[in-house]
Amino acid sequence: MNLDKADTAPEDRGPALELHIQDKRAVLLGALIVVGIIIVGASLQRGGFEWMSDPIMLGIVAVAGIIMAASGWGVRLTAGNDWLHVKRKWVDTHRLKSVHLYGVVLGWTLVLEDAEQRKVRVYIGTLEANRELWALVYNGLAHSVSAGATFNPLAGNMLRLRRFKESSRTQR
């Protein structure tokens, strides 16, 4: 990937190694799919499309689509060997103190907090869209968990972080 558009590395950190810029067409398609699901669901629940003549209901559907599109618009992730930059924030992936994964309507949100209380939130699907970037981040997660970072049960199960915690106990 061309790293010309990558965020600059945090001070005293190595260079950017991977970059992911969210595809705007995919964001718009996702927003249209969400709007379509809402329309179909509401129509099935109400027994037809008459509800669409109500401007308030149409406004609610439109706002849902706008929120969906805005949440993914312009997302750019940059990662180095030991750091992840999301929007205007960054964390040291090798010095994380907590890793939490939350399920939300729009996908799984990963929340990372490092030893300096820096925190980032990112949709896991966006991270995984670039395999090399995800590999850098996951390596940091594994390193941090084996060094004592905490994680919630969902992160432990879905990201299989428990094995790193257990391997650190057997090495001591």
Protein backbone atom coordinates (compact mmCIF):
# COMPACT_ATOMS: atom_id res chain seq x y z
CA MET A 1 0.00 0.00 0.00
CA ASN A 2 1.15 3.51 -0.73
CA LEU A 3 2.06 5.04 2.64
CA ASP A 4 2.07 8.63 1.35
CA LYS A 5 -1.33 9.20 2.98
CA ALA A 6 -0.38 7.49 6.24
CA ASP A 7 -0.56 9.42 9.48
CA THR A 8 2.80 10.47 10.81
CA ALA A 9 4.31 8.16 13.37
CA PRO A 10 4.07 9.25 17.01
CA GLU A 11 7.21 10.86 18.38
CA ASP A 12 10.03 8.39 19.13
CA ARG A 13 8.28 5.59 17.18
CA GLY A 14 9.23 3.66 14.11
CA PRO A 15 7.76 4.44 10.70
CA ALA A 16 4.28 3.62 9.46
CA LEU A 17 4.25 0.09 8.06
CA GLU A 18 0.60 -0.30 7.04
CA LEU A 19 -2.31 1.94 6.11
CA HIS A 20 -6.00 1.30 5.60
CA ILE A 21 -8.37 3.92 4.21
CA GLN A 22 -12.04 3.00 4.36
CA ASP A 23 -13.56 2.68 0.87
CA LYS A 24 -16.29 5.31 0.53
CA ARG A 25 -18.30 3.11 -1.85
CA ALA A 26 -18.37 0.34 0.74
CA VAL A 27 -19.52 2.82 3.39
CA LEU A 28 -22.36 4.05 1.17
CA LEU A 29 -23.35 0.50 0.26
CA GLY A 30 -23.40 -0.45 3.94
CA ALA A 31 -25.58 2.54 4.77
CA LEU A 32 -28.00 1.64 1.96
CA ILE A 33 -28.18 -1.95 3.18
CA VAL A 34 -28.98 -0.76 6.73
CA VAL A 35 -31.70 1.56 5.40
CA GLY A 36 -33.10 -1.28 3.29
CA ILE A 37 -33.20 -3.62 6.28
CA ILE A 38 -34.98 -0.98 8.35
CA ILE A 39 -37.56 -0.40 5.59
CA VAL A 40 -38.21 -4.11 5.09
CA GLY A 41 -38.37 -4.77 8.84
CA ALA A 42 -40.73 -1.87 9.52
CA SER A 43 -42.92 -2.84 6.55
CA LEU A 44 -43.18 -6.45 7.73
CA GLN A 45 -43.92 -5.34 11.28
CA ARG A 46 -46.58 -2.82 10.17
CA GLY A 47 -48.08 -4.99 7.45
CA GLY A 48 -47.22 -2.80 4.47
CA PHE A 49 -45.51 0.32 3.23
CA GLU A 50 -48.14 2.84 4.41
CA TRP A 51 -45.87 3.94 7.24
CA MET A 52 -43.56 5.47 4.63
CA SER A 53 -46.08 8.27 4.01
CA ASP A 54 -45.25 9.57 7.50
CA PRO A 55 -42.44 12.17 7.14
CA ILE A 56 -41.28 11.62 10.71
CA MET A 57 -40.73 7.90 10.10
CA LEU A 58 -38.92 8.62 6.84
CA GLY A 59 -36.77 11.16 8.68
CA ILE A 60 -35.83 8.53 11.27
CA VAL A 61 -34.81 6.11 8.51
CA ALA A 62 -32.81 8.84 6.76
CA VAL A 63 -31.03 9.79 9.99
CA ALA A 64 -30.11 6.13 10.55
CA GLY A 65 -28.59 6.00 7.06
CA ILE A 66 -26.69 9.25 7.60
CA ILE A 67 -25.31 8.06 10.94
CA MET A 68 -24.20 4.80 9.36
CA ALA A 69 -22.46 6.59 6.49
CA ALA A 70 -20.86 9.20 8.76
CA SER A 71 -19.45 6.55 11.11
CA GLY A 72 -17.33 5.00 8.37
CA TRP A 73 -16.59 8.04 6.21
CA GLY A 74 -12.95 9.07 6.11
CA VAL A 75 -11.72 6.36 8.48
CA ARG A 76 -7.97 5.95 8.15
CA LEU A 77 -5.93 3.52 10.21
CA THR A 78 -2.15 3.60 10.30
CA ALA A 79 0.03 1.09 12.13
CA GLY A 80 3.69 0.75 12.90
CA ASN A 81 5.56 -2.04 14.61
CA ASP A 82 4.24 -1.07 18.05
CA TRP A 83 1.57 1.58 17.51
CA LEU A 84 -1.89 2.08 16.01
CA HIS A 85 -3.25 5.45 14.89
CA VAL A 86 -7.06 5.80 14.59
CA LYS A 87 -8.51 9.17 13.59
CA ARG A 88 -6.57 11.67 15.76
CA LYS A 89 -5.59 9.24 18.52
CA TRP A 90 -2.98 6.52 18.89
CA VAL A 91 -1.99 3.74 21.31
CA ASP A 92 1.17 1.80 21.99
CA THR A 93 0.05 -1.71 21.04
CA HIS A 94 2.92 -3.33 22.94
CA ARG A 95 2.07 -1.54 26.20
CA LEU A 96 -1.71 -2.00 26.33
CA LYS A 97 -3.27 -2.23 29.75
CA SER A 98 -6.76 -3.24 28.56
CA VAL A 99 -8.36 -4.83 25.51
CA HIS A 100 -12.14 -4.79 25.29
CA LEU A 101 -14.42 -6.01 22.54
CA TYR A 102 -18.05 -4.93 22.44
CA GLY A 103 -20.84 -6.11 20.18
CA VAL A 104 -22.92 -3.34 18.70
CA VAL A 105 -25.60 -3.16 16.05
CA LEU A 106 -23.15 -2.03 13.37
CA GLY A 107 -20.40 -4.52 14.23
CA TRP A 108 -17.77 -5.35 16.83
CA THR A 109 -15.94 -2.45 18.42
CA LEU A 110 -12.44 -2.94 19.79
CA VAL A 111 -11.37 -0.53 22.55
CA LEU A 112 -7.65 -0.41 23.35
CA GLU A 113 -6.11 1.54 26.22
CA ASP A 114 -2.37 1.73 26.77
CA ALA A 115 -0.24 2.34 29.86
CA GLU A 116 -0.26 6.10 29.22
CA GLN A 117 -4.12 6.19 29.29
CA ARG A 118 -4.35 6.78 25.54
CA LYS A 119 -7.43 5.08 24.12
CA VAL A 120 -8.72 4.23 20.63
CA ARG A 121 -11.99 2.71 19.44
CA VAL A 122 -12.21 0.96 16.10
CA TYR A 123 -14.53 -1.45 14.35
CA ILE A 124 -12.81 -4.81 14.20
CA GLY A 125 -13.94 -5.33 10.60
CA THR A 126 -12.09 -2.18 9.57
CA LEU A 127 -8.92 -3.47 11.22
CA GLU A 128 -9.28 -6.87 9.60
CA ALA A 129 -9.86 -5.35 6.14
CA ASN A 130 -6.08 -4.98 5.82
CA ARG A 131 -4.50 -8.29 6.82
CA GLU A 132 -1.01 -6.88 7.32
CA LEU A 133 -2.31 -4.04 9.50
CA TRP A 134 -4.38 -6.52 11.54
CA ALA A 135 -1.30 -8.73 11.95
CA LEU A 136 0.68 -5.80 13.40
CA VAL A 137 -2.13 -4.93 15.81
CA TYR A 138 -2.79 -8.53 16.82
CA ASN A 139 0.91 -9.05 17.50
CA GLY A 140 0.72 -6.07 19.87
CA LEU A 141 -2.39 -7.51 21.54
CA ALA A 142 -0.62 -10.84 22.09
CA HIS A 143 2.48 -9.11 23.45
CA SER A 144 0.46 -6.92 25.82
CA VAL A 145 -1.74 -9.75 27.11
CA SER A 146 1.27 -11.94 27.81
CA ALA A 147 2.76 -8.96 29.71
CA GLY A 148 -0.37 -8.62 31.85
CA ALA A 149 -2.96 -6.58 29.93
CA THR A 150 -6.53 -7.30 30.94
CA PHE A 151 -9.31 -8.18 28.52
CA ASN A 152 -13.05 -8.72 28.78
CA PRO A 153 -14.53 -12.20 28.25
CA LEU A 154 -15.73 -11.37 24.73
CA ALA A 155 -12.23 -10.28 23.64
CA GLY A 156 -10.73 -13.33 25.35
CA ASN A 157 -13.03 -15.68 23.46
CA MET A 158 -13.47 -14.04 20.06
CA LEU A 159 -9.88 -12.87 19.66
CA ARG A 160 -8.51 -15.97 21.40
CA LEU A 161 -6.43 -13.90 23.80
CA ARG A 162 -6.69 -16.39 26.69
CA ARG A 163 -3.95 -18.53 25.18
CA PHE A 164 -1.45 -15.66 25.51
CA LYS A 165 -2.36 -15.12 29.15
CA GLU A 166 -2.00 -18.85 29.82
CA SER A 167 1.31 -19.10 27.93
CA SER A 168 2.76 -16.24 30.00
CA ARG A 169 1.92 -18.14 33.22
CA THR A 170 3.69 -21.29 32.04
CA GLN A 171 6.83 -19.35 31.08
CA ARG A 172 7.28 -17.81 34.54
